[in-house]
Amino acid sequence: GWLEERGFFDPADIGLPRDRVFFELSKAEKLARIGQIGCDVFIDDLPEILSDASFPDGVERFLFDPGSAAERDLPFKRASSWAELTRIFAGASGG
């Protein structure tokens, strides 16, 4: 419901396909899913997911950190809002 209310599935907004959204019950299952579906980019609000030794190689990691609460010296990119992520990815695709 949270994703629906915020326009994640709305083609006029973010337009994320519903069949590309996954929720896993454990950290191990989440990390396995990232590798299984072949993510190029992964966004999470938990530094421990992005820092895990079993995080799949070759996946660009972004920490979603709107409150700037995470340590500053983490080895991945961070974004403080969905608008910032939208700008990052729109720029990467030339849009």
PDB file of N, CA and C in Angstrom:
ATOM      1  N   GLY A   1       0.797  -1.192   0.000  1.00  0.00           N
ATOM      2  CA  GLY A   1       0.000   0.000   0.000  1.00  0.00           C
ATOM      3  C   GLY A   1       0.846   1.266   0.000  1.00  0.00           C
ATOM      4  N   TRP A   2       1.961   1.231   0.760  1.00  0.00           N
ATOM      5  CA  TRP A   2       2.830   2.403   0.837  1.00  0.00           C
ATOM      6  C   TRP A   2       3.356   2.783  -0.549  1.00  0.00           C
ATOM      7  N   LEU A   3       3.790   1.784  -1.310  1.00  0.00           N
ATOM      8  CA  LEU A   3       4.305   2.042  -2.662  1.00  0.00           C
ATOM      9  C   LEU A   3       3.205   2.595  -3.567  1.00  0.00           C
ATOM     10  N   GLU A   4       2.025   2.013  -3.466  1.00  0.00           N
ATOM     11  CA  GLU A   4       0.879   2.454  -4.264  1.00  0.00           C
ATOM     12  C   GLU A   4       0.545   3.913  -3.973  1.00  0.00           C
ATOM     13  N   GLU A   5       0.446   4.261  -2.698  1.00  0.00           N
ATOM     14  CA  GLU A   5       0.080   5.617  -2.282  1.00  0.00           C
ATOM     15  C   GLU A   5       1.078   6.667  -2.745  1.00  0.00           C
ATOM     16  N   ARG A   6       2.313   6.284  -2.948  1.00  0.00           N
ATOM     17  CA  ARG A   6       3.358   7.236  -3.322  1.00  0.00           C
ATOM     18  C   ARG A   6       3.692   7.229  -4.809  1.00  0.00           C
ATOM     19  N   GLY A   7       2.866   6.584  -5.609  1.00  0.00           N
ATOM     20  CA  GLY A   7       3.027   6.662  -7.056  1.00  0.00           C
ATOM     21  C   GLY A   7       4.078   5.748  -7.657  1.00  0.00           C
ATOM     22  N   PHE A   8       4.578   4.801  -6.899  1.00  0.00           N
ATOM     23  CA  PHE A   8       5.626   3.920  -7.429  1.00  0.00           C
ATOM     24  C   PHE A   8       5.150   3.113  -8.631  1.00  0.00           C
ATOM     25  N   PHE A   9       3.873   2.747  -8.659  1.00  0.00           N
ATOM     26  CA  PHE A   9       3.356   1.920  -9.754  1.00  0.00           C
ATOM     27  C   PHE A   9       2.649   2.745 -10.829  1.00  0.00           C
ATOM     28  N   ASP A  10       2.446   4.018 -10.583  1.00  0.00           N
ATOM     29  CA  ASP A  10       1.733   4.905 -11.512  1.00  0.00           C
ATOM     30  C   ASP A  10       2.632   5.224 -12.711  1.00  0.00           C
ATOM     31  N   PRO A  11       2.171   4.865 -13.935  1.00  0.00           N
ATOM     32  CA  PRO A  11       2.979   5.147 -15.134  1.00  0.00           C
ATOM     33  C   PRO A  11       3.287   6.634 -15.322  1.00  0.00           C
ATOM     34  N   ALA A  12       2.464   7.507 -14.768  1.00  0.00           N
ATOM     35  CA  ALA A  12       2.698   8.947 -14.885  1.00  0.00           C
ATOM     36  C   ALA A  12       3.666   9.460 -13.815  1.00  0.00           C
ATOM     37  N   ASP A  13       4.034   8.589 -12.892  1.00  0.00           N
ATOM     38  CA  ASP A  13       4.947   8.983 -11.823  1.00  0.00           C
ATOM     39  C   ASP A  13       6.216   8.134 -11.947  1.00  0.00           C
ATOM     40  N   ILE A  14       6.472   7.232 -11.033  1.00  0.00           N
ATOM     41  CA  ILE A  14       7.677   6.402 -11.081  1.00  0.00           C
ATOM     42  C   ILE A  14       7.533   5.275 -12.090  1.00  0.00           C
ATOM     43  N   GLY A  15       6.335   4.670 -12.143  1.00  0.00           N
ATOM     44  CA  GLY A  15       6.053   3.652 -13.156  1.00  0.00           C
ATOM     45  C   GLY A  15       6.756   2.322 -12.944  1.00  0.00           C
ATOM     46  N   LEU A  16       7.006   1.951 -11.715  1.00  0.00           N
ATOM     47  CA  LEU A  16       7.674   0.688 -11.416  1.00  0.00           C
ATOM     48  C   LEU A  16       6.719  -0.475 -11.700  1.00  0.00           C
ATOM     49  N   PRO A  17       7.127  -1.457 -12.494  1.00  0.00           N
ATOM     50  CA  PRO A  17       6.256  -2.614 -12.740  1.00  0.00           C
ATOM     51  C   PRO A  17       6.061  -3.438 -11.465  1.00  0.00           C
ATOM     52  N   ARG A  18       4.833  -3.787 -11.169  1.00  0.00           N
ATOM     53  CA  ARG A  18       4.532  -4.538  -9.945  1.00  0.00           C
ATOM     54  C   ARG A  18       5.277  -5.869  -9.892  1.00  0.00           C
ATOM     55  N   ASP A  19       5.479  -6.490 -11.050  1.00  0.00           N
ATOM     56  CA  ASP A  19       6.149  -7.800 -11.050  1.00  0.00           C
ATOM     57  C   ASP A  19       7.659  -7.698 -10.841  1.00  0.00           C
ATOM     58  N   ARG A  20       8.157  -6.484 -10.662  1.00  0.00           N
ATOM     59  CA  ARG A  20       9.578  -6.275 -10.398  1.00  0.00           C
ATOM     60  C   ARG A  20       9.826  -5.805  -8.957  1.00  0.00           C
ATOM     61  N   VAL A  21       8.822  -5.954  -8.098  1.00  0.00           N
ATOM     62  CA  VAL A  21       8.935  -5.579  -6.694  1.00  0.00           C
ATOM     63  C   VAL A  21       8.885  -6.856  -5.867  1.00  0.00           C
ATOM     64  N   PHE A  22       9.873  -7.025  -5.012  1.00  0.00           N
ATOM     65  CA  PHE A  22       9.987  -8.234  -4.206  1.00  0.00           C
ATOM     66  C   PHE A  22      10.201  -7.856  -2.746  1.00  0.00           C
ATOM     67  N   PHE A  23       9.594  -8.617  -1.858  1.00  0.00           N
ATOM     68  CA  PHE A  23       9.809  -8.462  -0.427  1.00  0.00           C
ATOM     69  C   PHE A  23      10.263  -9.808   0.115  1.00  0.00           C
ATOM     70  N   GLU A  24      11.390  -9.818   0.782  1.00  0.00           N
ATOM     71  CA  GLU A  24      11.934 -11.056   1.341  1.00  0.00           C
ATOM     72  C   GLU A  24      11.894 -10.979   2.862  1.00  0.00           C
ATOM     73  N   LEU A  25      11.796 -12.129   3.508  1.00  0.00           N
ATOM     74  CA  LEU A  25      11.646 -12.183   4.961  1.00  0.00           C
ATOM     75  C   LEU A  25      12.964 -12.155   5.730  1.00  0.00           C
ATOM     76  N   SER A  26      14.069 -12.452   5.060  1.00  0.00           N
ATOM     77  CA  SER A  26      15.354 -12.456   5.763  1.00  0.00           C
ATOM     78  C   SER A  26      16.412 -11.737   4.935  1.00  0.00           C
ATOM     79  N   LYS A  27      17.473 -11.343   5.601  1.00  0.00           N
ATOM     80  CA  LYS A  27      18.594 -10.691   4.922  1.00  0.00           C
ATOM     81  C   LYS A  27      19.197 -11.630   3.877  1.00  0.00           C
ATOM     82  N   ALA A  28      19.360 -12.899   4.226  1.00  0.00           N
ATOM     83  CA  ALA A  28      19.942 -13.867   3.286  1.00  0.00           C
ATOM     84  C   ALA A  28      19.071 -14.008   2.037  1.00  0.00           C
ATOM     85  N   GLU A  29      17.758 -14.053   2.216  1.00  0.00           N
ATOM     86  CA  GLU A  29      16.855 -14.166   1.064  1.00  0.00           C
ATOM     87  C   GLU A  29      16.892 -12.899   0.208  1.00  0.00           C
ATOM     88  N   LYS A  30      16.984 -11.764   0.859  1.00  0.00           N
ATOM     89  CA  LYS A  30      17.067 -10.492   0.136  1.00  0.00           C
ATOM     90  C   LYS A  30      18.332 -10.437  -0.721  1.00  0.00           C
ATOM     91  N   LEU A  31      19.457 -10.794  -0.134  1.00  0.00           N
ATOM     92  CA  LEU A  31      20.721 -10.774  -0.871  1.00  0.00           C
ATOM     93  C   LEU A  31      20.711 -11.789  -2.016  1.00  0.00           C
ATOM     94  N   ALA A  32      20.127 -12.940  -1.777  1.00  0.00           N
ATOM     95  CA  ALA A  32      20.026 -13.946  -2.842  1.00  0.00           C
ATOM     96  C   ALA A  32      19.166 -13.430  -3.988  1.00  0.00           C
ATOM     97  N   ARG A  33      18.058 -12.763  -3.668  1.00  0.00           N
ATOM     98  CA  ARG A  33      17.160 -12.226  -4.708  1.00  0.00           C
ATOM     99  C   ARG A  33      17.870 -11.174  -5.556  1.00  0.00           C
ATOM    100  N   ILE A  34      18.662 -10.323  -4.927  1.00  0.00           N
ATOM    101  CA  ILE A  34      19.399  -9.287  -5.667  1.00  0.00           C
ATOM    102  C   ILE A  34      20.268  -9.941  -6.735  1.00  0.00           C
ATOM    103  N   GLY A  35      20.974 -10.998  -6.368  1.00  0.00           N
ATOM    104  CA  GLY A  35      21.811 -11.714  -7.328  1.00  0.00           C
ATOM    105  C   GLY A  35      20.985 -12.478  -8.345  1.00  0.00           C
ATOM    106  N   GLN A  36      19.898 -13.098  -7.903  1.00  0.00           N
ATOM    107  CA  GLN A  36      19.057 -13.921  -8.777  1.00  0.00           C
ATOM    108  C   GLN A  36      18.456 -13.110  -9.920  1.00  0.00           C
ATOM    109  N   ILE A  37      17.969 -11.905  -9.635  1.00  0.00           N
ATOM    110  CA  ILE A  37      17.309 -11.136 -10.696  1.00  0.00           C
ATOM    111  C   ILE A  37      18.281 -10.268 -11.486  1.00  0.00           C
ATOM    112  N   GLY A  38      19.545 -10.256 -11.069  1.00  0.00           N
ATOM    113  CA  GLY A  38      20.565  -9.540 -11.831  1.00  0.00           C
ATOM    114  C   GLY A  38      20.457  -8.027 -11.763  1.00  0.00           C
ATOM    115  N   CYS A  39      20.293  -7.504 -10.562  1.00  0.00           N
ATOM    116  CA  CYS A  39      20.192  -6.049 -10.394  1.00  0.00           C
ATOM    117  C   CYS A  39      21.466  -5.353 -10.875  1.00  0.00           C
ATOM    118  N   ASP A  40      21.297  -4.234 -11.542  1.00  0.00           N
ATOM    119  CA  ASP A  40      22.412  -3.347 -11.866  1.00  0.00           C
ATOM    120  C   ASP A  40      22.630  -2.357 -10.727  1.00  0.00           C
ATOM    121  N   VAL A  41      21.509  -1.941 -10.111  1.00  0.00           N
ATOM    122  CA  VAL A  41      21.505  -0.959  -9.031  1.00  0.00           C
ATOM    123  C   VAL A  41      20.580  -1.477  -7.943  1.00  0.00           C
ATOM    124  N   PHE A  42      20.955  -1.251  -6.686  1.00  0.00           N
ATOM    125  CA  PHE A  42      20.091  -1.631  -5.579  1.00  0.00           C
ATOM    126  C   PHE A  42      20.082  -0.505  -4.566  1.00  0.00           C
ATOM    127  N   ILE A  43      18.882  -0.129  -4.110  1.00  0.00           N
ATOM    128  CA  ILE A  43      18.694   0.945  -3.141  1.00  0.00           C
ATOM    129  C   ILE A  43      18.129   0.321  -1.870  1.00  0.00           C
ATOM    130  N   ASP A  44      18.732   0.650  -0.743  1.00  0.00           N
ATOM    131  CA  ASP A  44      18.219   0.150   0.532  1.00  0.00           C
ATOM    132  C   ASP A  44      18.445   1.214   1.595  1.00  0.00           C
ATOM    133  N   ASP A  45      17.640   1.152   2.650  1.00  0.00           N
ATOM    134  CA  ASP A  45      17.826   2.096   3.747  1.00  0.00           C
ATOM    135  C   ASP A  45      18.605   1.481   4.910  1.00  0.00           C
ATOM    136  N   LEU A  46      19.108   0.268   4.699  1.00  0.00           N
ATOM    137  CA  LEU A  46      19.874  -0.411   5.740  1.00  0.00           C
ATOM    138  C   LEU A  46      21.330  -0.587   5.309  1.00  0.00           C
ATOM    139  N   PRO A  47      22.249   0.146   5.932  1.00  0.00           N
ATOM    140  CA  PRO A  47      23.660  -0.001   5.575  1.00  0.00           C
ATOM    141  C   PRO A  47      24.155  -1.438   5.720  1.00  0.00           C
ATOM    142  N   GLU A  48      23.601  -2.187   6.681  1.00  0.00           N
ATOM    143  CA  GLU A  48      24.070  -3.555   6.884  1.00  0.00           C
ATOM    144  C   GLU A  48      23.744  -4.469   5.704  1.00  0.00           C
ATOM    145  N   ILE A  49      22.713  -4.172   4.943  1.00  0.00           N
ATOM    146  CA  ILE A  49      22.428  -4.946   3.726  1.00  0.00           C
ATOM    147  C   ILE A  49      23.480  -4.626   2.669  1.00  0.00           C
ATOM    148  N   LEU A  50      23.700  -3.342   2.446  1.00  0.00           N
ATOM    149  CA  LEU A  50      24.638  -2.909   1.409  1.00  0.00           C
ATOM    150  C   LEU A  50      26.079  -3.277   1.740  1.00  0.00           C
ATOM    151  N   SER A  51      26.399  -3.420   3.010  1.00  0.00           N
ATOM    152  CA  SER A  51      27.763  -3.735   3.453  1.00  0.00           C
ATOM    153  C   SER A  51      28.020  -5.224   3.631  1.00  0.00           C
ATOM    154  N   ASP A  52      26.994  -6.030   3.523  1.00  0.00           N
ATOM    155  CA  ASP A  52      27.136  -7.459   3.793  1.00  0.00           C
ATOM    156  C   ASP A  52      28.149  -8.099   2.843  1.00  0.00           C
ATOM    157  N   ALA A  53      28.970  -8.978   3.386  1.00  0.00           N
ATOM    158  CA  ALA A  53      30.004  -9.647   2.587  1.00  0.00           C
ATOM    159  C   ALA A  53      29.419 -10.469   1.443  1.00  0.00           C
ATOM    160  N   SER A  54      28.177 -10.908   1.572  1.00  0.00           N
ATOM    161  CA  SER A  54      27.570 -11.707   0.506  1.00  0.00           C
ATOM    162  C   SER A  54      26.748 -10.875  -0.470  1.00  0.00           C
ATOM    163  N   PHE A  55      26.846  -9.542  -0.361  1.00  0.00           N
ATOM    164  CA  PHE A  55      26.151  -8.685  -1.335  1.00  0.00           C
ATOM    165  C   PHE A  55      26.722  -8.994  -2.717  1.00  0.00           C
ATOM    166  N   PRO A  56      25.867  -9.198  -3.720  1.00  0.00           N
ATOM    167  CA  PRO A  56      26.348  -9.596  -5.052  1.00  0.00           C
ATOM    168  C   PRO A  56      27.329  -8.591  -5.670  1.00  0.00           C
ATOM    169  N   ASP A  57      28.371  -9.111  -6.266  1.00  0.00           N
ATOM    170  CA  ASP A  57      29.358  -8.278  -6.965  1.00  0.00           C
ATOM    171  C   ASP A  57      28.728  -7.608  -8.180  1.00  0.00           C
ATOM    172  N   GLY A  58      29.260  -6.452  -8.529  1.00  0.00           N
ATOM    173  CA  GLY A  58      28.851  -5.772  -9.750  1.00  0.00           C
ATOM    174  C   GLY A  58      27.552  -4.997  -9.658  1.00  0.00           C
ATOM    175  N   VAL A  59      26.969  -4.905  -8.482  1.00  0.00           N
ATOM    176  CA  VAL A  59      25.725  -4.164  -8.300  1.00  0.00           C
ATOM    177  C   VAL A  59      26.055  -2.819  -7.663  1.00  0.00           C
ATOM    178  N   GLU A  60      25.632  -1.738  -8.302  1.00  0.00           N
ATOM    179  CA  GLU A  60      25.856  -0.410  -7.740  1.00  0.00           C
ATOM    180  C   GLU A  60      24.915  -0.214  -6.550  1.00  0.00           C
ATOM    181  N   ARG A  61      25.478   0.182  -5.416  1.00  0.00           N
ATOM    182  CA  ARG A  61      24.720   0.284  -4.175  1.00  0.00           C
ATOM    183  C   ARG A  61      24.448   1.741  -3.806  1.00  0.00           C
ATOM    184  N   PHE A  62      23.193   1.994  -3.416  1.00  0.00           N
ATOM    185  CA  PHE A  62      22.789   3.310  -2.931  1.00  0.00           C
ATOM    186  C   PHE A  62      22.136   3.152  -1.572  1.00  0.00           C
ATOM    187  N   LEU A  63      22.555   3.956  -0.629  1.00  0.00           N
ATOM    188  CA  LEU A  63      21.909   4.012   0.664  1.00  0.00           C
ATOM    189  C   LEU A  63      20.858   5.110   0.621  1.00  0.00           C
ATOM    190  N   PHE A  64      19.611   4.761   0.908  1.00  0.00           N
ATOM    191  CA  PHE A  64      18.554   5.752   1.030  1.00  0.00           C
ATOM    192  C   PHE A  64      18.579   6.235   2.475  1.00  0.00           C
ATOM    193  N   ASP A  65      19.026   7.472   2.679  1.00  0.00           N
ATOM    194  CA  ASP A  65      19.309   7.991   4.020  1.00  0.00           C
ATOM    195  C   ASP A  65      18.748   9.408   4.159  1.00  0.00           C
ATOM    196  N   PRO A  66      17.403   9.542   4.181  1.00  0.00           N
ATOM    197  CA  PRO A  66      16.816  10.881   4.211  1.00  0.00           C
ATOM    198  C   PRO A  66      17.158  11.690   5.457  1.00  0.00           C
ATOM    199  N   GLY A  67      17.454  11.041   6.559  1.00  0.00           N
ATOM    200  CA  GLY A  67      17.798  11.759   7.780  1.00  0.00           C
ATOM    201  C   GLY A  67      19.280  11.941   7.986  1.00  0.00           C
ATOM    202  N   SER A  68      20.090  11.505   7.027  1.00  0.00           N
ATOM    203  CA  SER A  68      21.554  11.552   7.143  1.00  0.00           C
ATOM    204  C   SER A  68      22.023  10.958   8.468  1.00  0.00           C
ATOM    205  N   ALA A  69      21.402   9.839   8.845  1.00  0.00           N
ATOM    206  CA  ALA A  69      21.706   9.207  10.126  1.00  0.00           C
ATOM    207  C   ALA A  69      22.853   8.209  10.055  1.00  0.00           C
ATOM    208  N   ALA A  70      23.151   7.726   8.865  1.00  0.00           N
ATOM    209  CA  ALA A  70      24.193   6.702   8.723  1.00  0.00           C
ATOM    210  C   ALA A  70      25.586   7.311   8.802  1.00  0.00           C
ATOM    211  N   GLU A  71      26.543   6.471   9.142  1.00  0.00           N
ATOM    212  CA  GLU A  71      27.943   6.896   9.164  1.00  0.00           C
ATOM    213  C   GLU A  71      28.315   7.544   7.840  1.00  0.00           C
ATOM    214  N   ARG A  72      29.248   8.472   7.869  1.00  0.00           N
ATOM    215  CA  ARG A  72      29.629   9.206   6.653  1.00  0.00           C
ATOM    216  C   ARG A  72      30.629   8.436   5.798  1.00  0.00           C
ATOM    217  N   ASP A  73      31.368   7.500   6.350  1.00  0.00           N
ATOM    218  CA  ASP A  73      32.460   6.856   5.613  1.00  0.00           C
ATOM    219  C   ASP A  73      32.068   5.499   5.023  1.00  0.00           C
ATOM    220  N   LEU A  74      30.812   5.306   4.680  1.00  0.00           N
ATOM    221  CA  LEU A  74      30.371   4.044   4.101  1.00  0.00           C
ATOM    222  C   LEU A  74      30.785   3.958   2.627  1.00  0.00           C
ATOM    223  N   PRO A  75      31.062   2.759   2.134  1.00  0.00           N
ATOM    224  CA  PRO A  75      31.638   2.600   0.795  1.00  0.00           C
ATOM    225  C   PRO A  75      30.626   2.538  -0.350  1.00  0.00           C
ATOM    226  N   PHE A  76      29.531   3.251  -0.253  1.00  0.00           N
ATOM    227  CA  PHE A  76      28.559   3.273  -1.342  1.00  0.00           C
ATOM    228  C   PHE A  76      27.918   4.652  -1.416  1.00  0.00           C
ATOM    229  N   LYS A  77      27.247   4.900  -2.528  1.00  0.00           N
ATOM    230  CA  LYS A  77      26.596   6.188  -2.738  1.00  0.00           C
ATOM    231  C   LYS A  77      25.379   6.289  -1.839  1.00  0.00           C
ATOM    232  N   ARG A  78      24.988   7.517  -1.576  1.00  0.00           N
ATOM    233  CA  ARG A  78      23.800   7.722  -0.747  1.00  0.00           C
ATOM    234  C   ARG A  78      22.912   8.782  -1.384  1.00  0.00           C
ATOM    235  N   ALA A  79      21.639   8.714  -1.033  1.00  0.00           N
ATOM    236  CA  ALA A  79      20.673   9.699  -1.498  1.00  0.00           C
ATOM    237  C   ALA A  79      19.756  10.041  -0.330  1.00  0.00           C
ATOM    238  N   SER A  80      19.353  11.293  -0.264  1.00  0.00           N
ATOM    239  CA  SER A  80      18.540  11.737   0.859  1.00  0.00           C
ATOM    240  C   SER A  80      17.054  11.826   0.535  1.00  0.00           C
ATOM    241  N   SER A  81      16.684  11.577  -0.741  1.00  0.00           N
ATOM    242  CA  SER A  81      15.266  11.644  -1.110  1.00  0.00           C
ATOM    243  C   SER A  81      15.026  10.860  -2.393  1.00  0.00           C
ATOM    244  N   TRP A  82      13.758  10.533  -2.621  1.00  0.00           N
ATOM    245  CA  TRP A  82      13.405   9.879  -3.885  1.00  0.00           C
ATOM    246  C   TRP A  82      13.609  10.838  -5.047  1.00  0.00           C
ATOM    247  N   ALA A  83      13.392  12.136  -4.808  1.00  0.00           N
ATOM    248  CA  ALA A  83      13.625  13.122  -5.863  1.00  0.00           C
ATOM    249  C   ALA A  83      15.096  13.129  -6.276  1.00  0.00           C
ATOM    250  N   GLU A  84      15.997  13.020  -5.304  1.00  0.00           N
ATOM    251  CA  GLU A  84      17.429  12.964  -5.618  1.00  0.00           C
ATOM    252  C   GLU A  84      17.759  11.716  -6.437  1.00  0.00           C
ATOM    253  N   LEU A  85      17.195  10.580  -6.048  1.00  0.00           N
ATOM    254  CA  LEU A  85      17.418   9.349  -6.827  1.00  0.00           C
ATOM    255  C   LEU A  85      16.866   9.484  -8.238  1.00  0.00           C
ATOM    256  N   THR A  86      15.710  10.107  -8.366  1.00  0.00           N
ATOM    257  CA  THR A  86      15.129  10.320  -9.696  1.00  0.00           C
ATOM    258  C   THR A  86      16.067  11.167 -10.556  1.00  0.00           C
ATOM    259  N   ARG A  87      16.633  12.229  -9.986  1.00  0.00           N
ATOM    260  CA  ARG A  87      17.584  13.070 -10.735  1.00  0.00           C
ATOM    261  C   ARG A  87      18.831  12.266 -11.125  1.00  0.00           C
ATOM    262  N   ILE A  88      19.340  11.467 -10.207  1.00  0.00           N
ATOM    263  CA  ILE A  88      20.534  10.663 -10.484  1.00  0.00           C
ATOM    264  C   ILE A  88      20.293   9.732 -11.663  1.00  0.00           C
ATOM    265  N   PHE A  89      19.174   9.001 -11.618  1.00  0.00           N
ATOM    266  CA  PHE A  89      18.917   8.014 -12.655  1.00  0.00           C
ATOM    267  C   PHE A  89      18.433   8.643 -13.955  1.00  0.00           C
ATOM    268  N   ALA A  90      17.743   9.764 -13.902  1.00  0.00           N
ATOM    269  CA  ALA A  90      17.360  10.467 -15.123  1.00  0.00           C
ATOM    270  C   ALA A  90      18.606  10.972 -15.830  1.00  0.00           C
ATOM    271  N   GLY A  91      19.583  11.469 -15.063  1.00  0.00           N
ATOM    272  CA  GLY A  91      20.839  11.924 -15.649  1.00  0.00           C
ATOM    273  C   GLY A  91      21.637  10.792 -16.240  1.00  0.00           C
ATOM    274  N   ALA A  92      21.604   9.624 -15.605  1.00  0.00           N
ATOM    275  CA  ALA A  92      22.352   8.454 -16.089  1.00  0.00           C
ATOM    276  C   ALA A  92      21.772   7.925 -17.388  1.00  0.00           C
ATOM    277  N   SER A  93      20.473   8.110 -17.581  1.00  0.00           N
ATOM    278  CA  SER A  93      19.842   7.595 -18.808  1.00  0.00           C
ATOM    279  C   SER A  93      19.744   8.660 -19.879  1.00  0.00           C
ATOM    280  N   GLY A  94      20.234   9.862 -19.581  1.00  0.00           N
ATOM    281  CA  GLY A  94      20.204  10.936 -20.561  1.00  0.00           C
ATOM    282  C   GLY A  94      18.879  11.645 -20.618  1.00  0.00           C
ATOM    283  N   GLY A  95      17.962  11.315 -19.651  1.00  0.00           N
ATOM    284  CA  GLY A  95      16.616  11.894 -19.648  1.00  0.00           C
ATOM    285  C   GLY A  95      16.503  13.148 -18.875  1.00  0.00           C
TER     286      GLY A  95
END
